[in-house]
Structure formats: structure tokens, C-alpha cells
């Protein structure tokens, strides 16, 4: 039986059930990163008319179902899944996504309420993690989104997040507090010292 590198690439991604780094794929397949890129393009083309897609998250690759089939998948998997994120948790997550690295007190300030339970939920879901501390009294933890966040939202990197201005235009419900999106309290140029 001859070795089919594309089939091996696909099998690794299928069997792992989570993202696999290009470095790990290079090692397993004994090939170059350039070849991994070519394999990814070929596999993406193969799945064009499929219910499966190849996701790229930074230098990692993962197989996933396409979002247009969510309703069908939900019918089978929903009883097994945990409750969705609350509005408060989604609000905290969006603040972290756009302002990372950020401390919990900064998140609380922007939201105007305590975010303890929302943060616990986001961390338990693997969407947010604490990495390092702010060089300030009390050395508060700095929070970032994770690769799982990128995977869940179908993003390759944070540069693919929509601009805040675009988001504000799409928000039409009166109950949404637009001040939650006002990030001007924290300067884009503010220097943050991080300690690992």
C-alpha cells in the first residue's frame, strides 16, 4: 500500500478532534511547512461541497462542521451540551477580545457591574485564560482569549474581528447597552507591563 500524505493529513486532523499545530503535522508527516500549506489547500478544496470544513487558527489546523448545518447537528448534540453563554458572559468576552490584555477590574469598570461569575464561566469553557500579571499594586491577572475562542468563532486570528464601528451599526435592539462597547476609557497607546 502506497503512502498518501493528503489522506494521512486528514486522518490526523480527524482523529485529534482538536486543533493540531503545523509543527506537529510537519513532524508526524516528515514534511515541510510549505507542504502542510499545500495539503491544507487541497483538503479545503476537497471539503468545498461537504458538511465538513478545514479551519485554520493561527498555525493550527482543525476539522469542523460547517455552520450552515448547525441546526441539524444541534438536534443530535443539544441534550449533551451545557447551557449557552449568558448575555453577561458574552459581553465580558467581547470586552476581552477587543481590549486584551485586560484585568478583571477593567472589565468590571467597562461593564459597570461585577464580572466574577461571567469570568468563571468563560474560563471553564476555555474561551479565556489568565496569562501574566499587570505590573501594578496587587499584581492583577491579565486575561486573554484562547485558541478555543478563535476556533468557536471561526477566526484565524484576532485581526479578523469586526471593527467596533461595524458592530455598533448592526445593533438594533433597544435593550443593548451601547456604553459596554465604549472602550475609550482605556487608551490604545497605554503601556501595559506584563510579568510572566
C-alpha atoms as a PDB file:
ATOM      1  CA  UNK A   1       0.000   0.000   0.000  1.00  0.00           C
ATOM      2  CA  UNK A   2       1.468   3.377  -1.020  1.00  0.00           C
ATOM      3  CA  UNK A   3       1.591   6.320   1.379  1.00  0.00           C
ATOM      4  CA  UNK A   4      -0.990   9.034   0.653  1.00  0.00           C
ATOM      5  CA  UNK A   5       0.182  12.153   2.502  1.00  0.00           C
ATOM      6  CA  UNK A   6      -3.120  14.013   1.999  1.00  0.00           C
ATOM      7  CA  UNK A   7      -5.066  11.090   3.492  1.00  0.00           C
ATOM      8  CA  UNK A   8      -2.614  10.957   6.418  1.00  0.00           C
ATOM      9  CA  UNK A   9      -3.003  14.722   6.967  1.00  0.00           C
ATOM     10  CA  UNK A  10      -6.787  14.337   7.010  1.00  0.00           C
ATOM     11  CA  UNK A  11      -6.659  11.300   9.313  1.00  0.00           C
ATOM     12  CA  UNK A  12      -4.509  13.119  11.875  1.00  0.00           C
ATOM     13  CA  UNK A  13      -6.896  16.078  11.997  1.00  0.00           C
ATOM     14  CA  UNK A  14      -9.954  13.817  12.215  1.00  0.00           C
ATOM     15  CA  UNK A  15      -8.510  11.624  14.962  1.00  0.00           C
ATOM     16  CA  UNK A  16      -7.242  14.509  17.100  1.00  0.00           C
ATOM     17  CA  UNK A  17     -10.662  16.148  17.489  1.00  0.00           C
ATOM     18  CA  UNK A  18      -8.933  19.465  18.230  1.00  0.00           C
ATOM     19  CA  UNK A  19      -6.501  21.816  16.524  1.00  0.00           C
ATOM     20  CA  UNK A  20      -3.088  20.468  15.551  1.00  0.00           C
ATOM     21  CA  UNK A  21      -0.094  22.769  15.079  1.00  0.00           C
ATOM     22  CA  UNK A  22       1.700  22.899  11.759  1.00  0.00           C
ATOM     23  CA  UNK A  23       4.912  21.971  13.617  1.00  0.00           C
ATOM     24  CA  UNK A  24       3.297  18.763  14.919  1.00  0.00           C
ATOM     25  CA  UNK A  25       1.948  17.995  11.442  1.00  0.00           C
ATOM     26  CA  UNK A  26       5.406  18.542   9.915  1.00  0.00           C
ATOM     27  CA  UNK A  27       6.935  16.176  12.461  1.00  0.00           C
ATOM     28  CA  UNK A  28       4.272  13.474  12.054  1.00  0.00           C
ATOM     29  CA  UNK A  29       4.279  13.589   8.256  1.00  0.00           C
ATOM     30  CA  UNK A  30       8.030  14.239   7.971  1.00  0.00           C
ATOM     31  CA  UNK A  31       7.463  17.164   5.637  1.00  0.00           C
ATOM     32  CA  UNK A  32       7.877  20.943   5.368  1.00  0.00           C
ATOM     33  CA  UNK A  33       5.546  23.756   6.395  1.00  0.00           C
ATOM     34  CA  UNK A  34       5.183  24.651   2.728  1.00  0.00           C
ATOM     35  CA  UNK A  35       3.878  21.134   2.043  1.00  0.00           C
ATOM     36  CA  UNK A  36       1.477  21.442   5.008  1.00  0.00           C
ATOM     37  CA  UNK A  37       0.119  24.654   3.437  1.00  0.00           C
ATOM     38  CA  UNK A  38      -0.374  22.814   0.123  1.00  0.00           C
ATOM     39  CA  UNK A  39      -2.106  19.926   1.894  1.00  0.00           C
ATOM     40  CA  UNK A  40      -4.399  22.383   3.693  1.00  0.00           C
ATOM     41  CA  UNK A  41      -5.370  23.989   0.378  1.00  0.00           C
ATOM     42  CA  UNK A  42      -6.065  20.574  -1.177  1.00  0.00           C
ATOM     43  CA  UNK A  43      -8.129  19.413   1.790  1.00  0.00           C
ATOM     44  CA  UNK A  44     -10.058  22.691   1.865  1.00  0.00           C
ATOM     45  CA  UNK A  45     -10.891  22.194  -1.814  1.00  0.00           C
ATOM     46  CA  UNK A  46     -11.959  18.596  -1.162  1.00  0.00           C
ATOM     47  CA  UNK A  47     -14.417  19.804   1.502  1.00  0.00           C
ATOM     48  CA  UNK A  48     -15.870  22.643  -0.615  1.00  0.00           C
ATOM     49  CA  UNK A  49     -19.173  20.778  -1.182  1.00  0.00           C
ATOM     50  CA  UNK A  50     -19.059  18.891   2.116  1.00  0.00           C
ATOM     51  CA  UNK A  51     -20.579  19.446   5.537  1.00  0.00           C
ATOM     52  CA  UNK A  52     -17.025  19.471   6.903  1.00  0.00           C
ATOM     53  CA  UNK A  53     -14.521  22.294   6.693  1.00  0.00           C
ATOM     54  CA  UNK A  54     -10.860  22.784   7.457  1.00  0.00           C
ATOM     55  CA  UNK A  55     -10.382  25.587   9.986  1.00  0.00           C
ATOM     56  CA  UNK A  56      -7.136  27.438  10.422  1.00  0.00           C
ATOM     57  CA  UNK A  57      -6.405  29.112  13.749  1.00  0.00           C
ATOM     58  CA  UNK A  58      -3.032  30.805  13.510  1.00  0.00           C
ATOM     59  CA  UNK A  59      -0.591  27.992  12.654  1.00  0.00           C
ATOM     60  CA  UNK A  60      -3.025  25.291  13.796  1.00  0.00           C
ATOM     61  CA  UNK A  61      -5.476  23.276  11.714  1.00  0.00           C
ATOM     62  CA  UNK A  62      -8.700  21.545  12.714  1.00  0.00           C
ATOM     63  CA  UNK A  63     -11.627  19.798  11.084  1.00  0.00           C
ATOM     64  CA  UNK A  64     -15.047  21.195  11.928  1.00  0.00           C
ATOM     65  CA  UNK A  65     -18.628  21.008  10.741  1.00  0.00           C
ATOM     66  CA  UNK A  66     -19.884  23.953   8.671  1.00  0.00           C
ATOM     67  CA  UNK A  67     -22.064  26.456  10.485  1.00  0.00           C
ATOM     68  CA  UNK A  68     -24.943  26.124   7.991  1.00  0.00           C
ATOM     69  CA  UNK A  69     -25.524  22.588   9.317  1.00  0.00           C
ATOM     70  CA  UNK A  70     -25.675  23.710  12.943  1.00  0.00           C
ATOM     71  CA  UNK A  71     -29.439  23.158  13.256  1.00  0.00           C
ATOM     72  CA  UNK A  72     -29.161  19.516  12.165  1.00  0.00           C
ATOM     73  CA  UNK A  73     -26.189  18.862  14.420  1.00  0.00           C
ATOM     74  CA  UNK A  74     -27.930  20.584  17.338  1.00  0.00           C
ATOM     75  CA  UNK A  75     -30.846  18.145  17.136  1.00  0.00           C
ATOM     76  CA  UNK A  76     -28.464  15.320  17.977  1.00  0.00           C
ATOM     77  CA  UNK A  77     -25.996  17.014  20.288  1.00  0.00           C
ATOM     78  CA  UNK A  78     -28.005  19.615  22.218  1.00  0.00           C
ATOM     79  CA  UNK A  79     -29.147  17.320  25.032  1.00  0.00           C
ATOM     80  CA  UNK A  80     -25.487  16.521  25.714  1.00  0.00           C
ATOM     81  CA  UNK A  81     -24.217  20.101  25.680  1.00  0.00           C
ATOM     82  CA  UNK A  82     -24.037  22.561  28.522  1.00  0.00           C
ATOM     83  CA  UNK A  83     -26.068  25.749  28.683  1.00  0.00           C
ATOM     84  CA  UNK A  84     -25.088  28.549  26.296  1.00  0.00           C
ATOM     85  CA  UNK A  85     -23.218  31.621  27.484  1.00  0.00           C
ATOM     86  CA  UNK A  86     -25.319  34.289  29.149  1.00  0.00           C
ATOM     87  CA  UNK A  87     -25.606  37.821  27.761  1.00  0.00           C
ATOM     88  CA  UNK A  88     -23.314  38.986  30.591  1.00  0.00           C
ATOM     89  CA  UNK A  89     -20.666  36.379  29.709  1.00  0.00           C
ATOM     90  CA  UNK A  90     -20.810  37.300  26.017  1.00  0.00           C
ATOM     91  CA  UNK A  91     -20.460  40.953  26.964  1.00  0.00           C
ATOM     92  CA  UNK A  92     -17.366  40.216  29.084  1.00  0.00           C
ATOM     93  CA  UNK A  93     -15.953  38.023  26.301  1.00  0.00           C
ATOM     94  CA  UNK A  94     -16.334  40.770  23.715  1.00  0.00           C
ATOM     95  CA  UNK A  95     -14.554  43.245  26.003  1.00  0.00           C
ATOM     96  CA  UNK A  96     -11.664  40.824  26.486  1.00  0.00           C
ATOM     97  CA  UNK A  97     -11.473  40.078  22.755  1.00  0.00           C
ATOM     98  CA  UNK A  98     -11.136  43.742  21.844  1.00  0.00           C
ATOM     99  CA  UNK A  99      -9.092  45.013  24.802  1.00  0.00           C
ATOM    100  CA  UNK A 100      -6.747  42.160  25.705  1.00  0.00           C
ATOM    101  CA  UNK A 101      -4.664  42.020  27.748  1.00  0.00           C
ATOM    102  CA  UNK A 102      -7.105  43.323  30.350  1.00  0.00           C
ATOM    103  CA  UNK A 103      -7.648  42.922  34.083  1.00  0.00           C
ATOM    104  CA  UNK A 104     -10.898  41.873  35.692  1.00  0.00           C
ATOM    105  CA  UNK A 105     -11.294  45.253  37.371  1.00  0.00           C
ATOM    106  CA  UNK A 106     -11.058  46.933  33.961  1.00  0.00           C
ATOM    107  CA  UNK A 107     -13.741  44.582  32.635  1.00  0.00           C
ATOM    108  CA  UNK A 108     -15.933  45.373  35.664  1.00  0.00           C
ATOM    109  CA  UNK A 109     -15.400  49.106  35.086  1.00  0.00           C
ATOM    110  CA  UNK A 110     -16.412  48.916  31.420  1.00  0.00           C
ATOM    111  CA  UNK A 111     -19.479  46.782  32.173  1.00  0.00           C
ATOM    112  CA  UNK A 112     -20.410  48.726  35.299  1.00  0.00           C
ATOM    113  CA  UNK A 113     -21.046  45.516  37.268  1.00  0.00           C
ATOM    114  CA  UNK A 114     -19.100  42.674  38.870  1.00  0.00           C
ATOM    115  CA  UNK A 115     -17.974  40.083  36.303  1.00  0.00           C
ATOM    116  CA  UNK A 116     -16.870  37.258  38.628  1.00  0.00           C
ATOM    117  CA  UNK A 117     -19.418  34.660  37.524  1.00  0.00           C
ATOM    118  CA  UNK A 118     -19.080  35.579  33.842  1.00  0.00           C
ATOM    119  CA  UNK A 119     -15.301  35.266  34.043  1.00  0.00           C
ATOM    120  CA  UNK A 120     -15.539  31.895  35.812  1.00  0.00           C
ATOM    121  CA  UNK A 121     -17.828  30.612  33.067  1.00  0.00           C
ATOM    122  CA  UNK A 122     -15.570  31.891  30.270  1.00  0.00           C
ATOM    123  CA  UNK A 123     -12.510  30.315  31.882  1.00  0.00           C
ATOM    124  CA  UNK A 124     -14.310  26.986  32.447  1.00  0.00           C
ATOM    125  CA  UNK A 125     -15.358  26.971  28.774  1.00  0.00           C
ATOM    126  CA  UNK A 126     -11.739  27.513  27.746  1.00  0.00           C
ATOM    127  CA  UNK A 127     -12.533  30.766  25.916  1.00  0.00           C
ATOM    128  CA  UNK A 128     -10.436  32.979  28.203  1.00  0.00           C
ATOM    129  CA  UNK A 129      -7.249  32.448  30.196  1.00  0.00           C
ATOM    130  CA  UNK A 130      -5.087  34.419  32.604  1.00  0.00           C
ATOM    131  CA  UNK A 131      -1.519  34.897  31.368  1.00  0.00           C
ATOM    132  CA  UNK A 132       0.844  37.054  33.335  1.00  0.00           C
ATOM    133  CA  UNK A 133       0.087  39.946  35.663  1.00  0.00           C
ATOM    134  CA  UNK A 134      -0.074  43.716  35.423  1.00  0.00           C
ATOM    135  CA  UNK A 135       2.923  45.465  36.971  1.00  0.00           C
ATOM    136  CA  UNK A 136       0.753  47.390  39.429  1.00  0.00           C
ATOM    137  CA  UNK A 137      -0.247  47.130  43.102  1.00  0.00           C
ATOM    138  CA  UNK A 138      -1.863  43.764  43.800  1.00  0.00           C
ATOM    139  CA  UNK A 139      -0.432  42.370  40.533  1.00  0.00           C
ATOM    140  CA  UNK A 140      -3.838  41.637  38.964  1.00  0.00           C
ATOM    141  CA  UNK A 141      -4.046  38.856  36.386  1.00  0.00           C
ATOM    142  CA  UNK A 142      -4.220  39.772  32.715  1.00  0.00           C
ATOM    143  CA  UNK A 143      -6.856  37.998  30.636  1.00  0.00           C
ATOM    144  CA  UNK A 144      -6.643  36.955  27.012  1.00  0.00           C
ATOM    145  CA  UNK A 145      -8.837  34.989  24.636  1.00  0.00           C
ATOM    146  CA  UNK A 146      -7.640  31.491  23.706  1.00  0.00           C
ATOM    147  CA  UNK A 147      -7.274  29.405  20.562  1.00  0.00           C
ATOM    148  CA  UNK A 148     -10.593  27.843  21.551  1.00  0.00           C
ATOM    149  CA  UNK A 149     -12.184  31.303  21.266  1.00  0.00           C
ATOM    150  CA  UNK A 150     -10.785  31.669  17.743  1.00  0.00           C
ATOM    151  CA  UNK A 151     -12.000  28.183  16.817  1.00  0.00           C
ATOM    152  CA  UNK A 152     -15.500  28.744  18.206  1.00  0.00           C
ATOM    153  CA  UNK A 153     -15.905  31.984  16.295  1.00  0.00           C
ATOM    154  CA  UNK A 154     -14.308  30.696  13.090  1.00  0.00           C
ATOM    155  CA  UNK A 155     -11.405  33.160  13.212  1.00  0.00           C
ATOM    156  CA  UNK A 156      -7.830  32.570  12.112  1.00  0.00           C
ATOM    157  CA  UNK A 157      -6.574  35.411  14.301  1.00  0.00           C
ATOM    158  CA  UNK A 158      -7.840  38.445  16.223  1.00  0.00           C
ATOM    159  CA  UNK A 159      -7.345  40.716  13.213  1.00  0.00           C
ATOM    160  CA  UNK A 160     -10.446  39.078  11.731  1.00  0.00           C
ATOM    161  CA  UNK A 161     -12.676  40.512  14.471  1.00  0.00           C
ATOM    162  CA  UNK A 162     -15.083  43.091  13.018  1.00  0.00           C
ATOM    163  CA  UNK A 163     -14.363  46.745  13.730  1.00  0.00           C
ATOM    164  CA  UNK A 164     -16.306  48.157  16.679  1.00  0.00           C
ATOM    165  CA  UNK A 165     -17.913  50.736  14.373  1.00  0.00           C
ATOM    166  CA  UNK A 166     -19.302  47.928  12.204  1.00  0.00           C
ATOM    167  CA  UNK A 167     -20.732  46.208  15.277  1.00  0.00           C
ATOM    168  CA  UNK A 168     -22.456  49.344  16.522  1.00  0.00           C
ATOM    169  CA  UNK A 169     -24.198  49.745  13.145  1.00  0.00           C
ATOM    170  CA  UNK A 170     -25.606  46.215  13.331  1.00  0.00           C
ATOM    171  CA  UNK A 171     -27.012  46.565  16.849  1.00  0.00           C
ATOM    172  CA  UNK A 172     -30.692  47.448  16.635  1.00  0.00           C
ATOM    173  CA  UNK A 173     -32.201  46.270  19.900  1.00  0.00           C
ATOM    174  CA  UNK A 174     -33.047  48.947  22.463  1.00  0.00           C
ATOM    175  CA  UNK A 175     -32.159  46.812  25.469  1.00  0.00           C
ATOM    176  CA  UNK A 176     -28.493  46.596  24.416  1.00  0.00           C
ATOM    177  CA  UNK A 177     -26.314  48.926  26.475  1.00  0.00           C
ATOM    178  CA  UNK A 178     -24.007  50.527  23.905  1.00  0.00           C
ATOM    179  CA  UNK A 179     -21.846  52.011  26.663  1.00  0.00           C
ATOM    180  CA  UNK A 180     -20.497  48.474  27.100  1.00  0.00           C
ATOM    181  CA  UNK A 181     -18.759  48.944  23.736  1.00  0.00           C
ATOM    182  CA  UNK A 182     -17.262  52.313  24.678  1.00  0.00           C
ATOM    183  CA  UNK A 183     -13.662  51.343  25.189  1.00  0.00           C
ATOM    184  CA  UNK A 184     -12.302  54.906  25.139  1.00  0.00           C
ATOM    185  CA  UNK A 185     -11.654  54.787  28.897  1.00  0.00           C
ATOM    186  CA  UNK A 186      -8.590  52.668  28.152  1.00  0.00           C
ATOM    187  CA  UNK A 187      -6.173  54.274  25.743  1.00  0.00           C
ATOM    188  CA  UNK A 188      -4.970  52.222  22.794  1.00  0.00           C
ATOM    189  CA  UNK A 189      -1.477  53.587  23.458  1.00  0.00           C
ATOM    190  CA  UNK A 190      -1.495  52.822  27.183  1.00  0.00           C
ATOM    191  CA  UNK A 191       1.624  50.814  28.011  1.00  0.00           C
ATOM    192  CA  UNK A 192       0.959  47.647  29.948  1.00  0.00           C
ATOM    193  CA  UNK A 193       3.829  45.930  31.694  1.00  0.00           C
ATOM    194  CA  UNK A 194       3.372  42.197  31.866  1.00  0.00           C
ATOM    195  CA  UNK A 195       5.107  39.807  34.229  1.00  0.00           C
ATOM    196  CA  UNK A 196       5.016  36.102  33.482  1.00  0.00           C
END
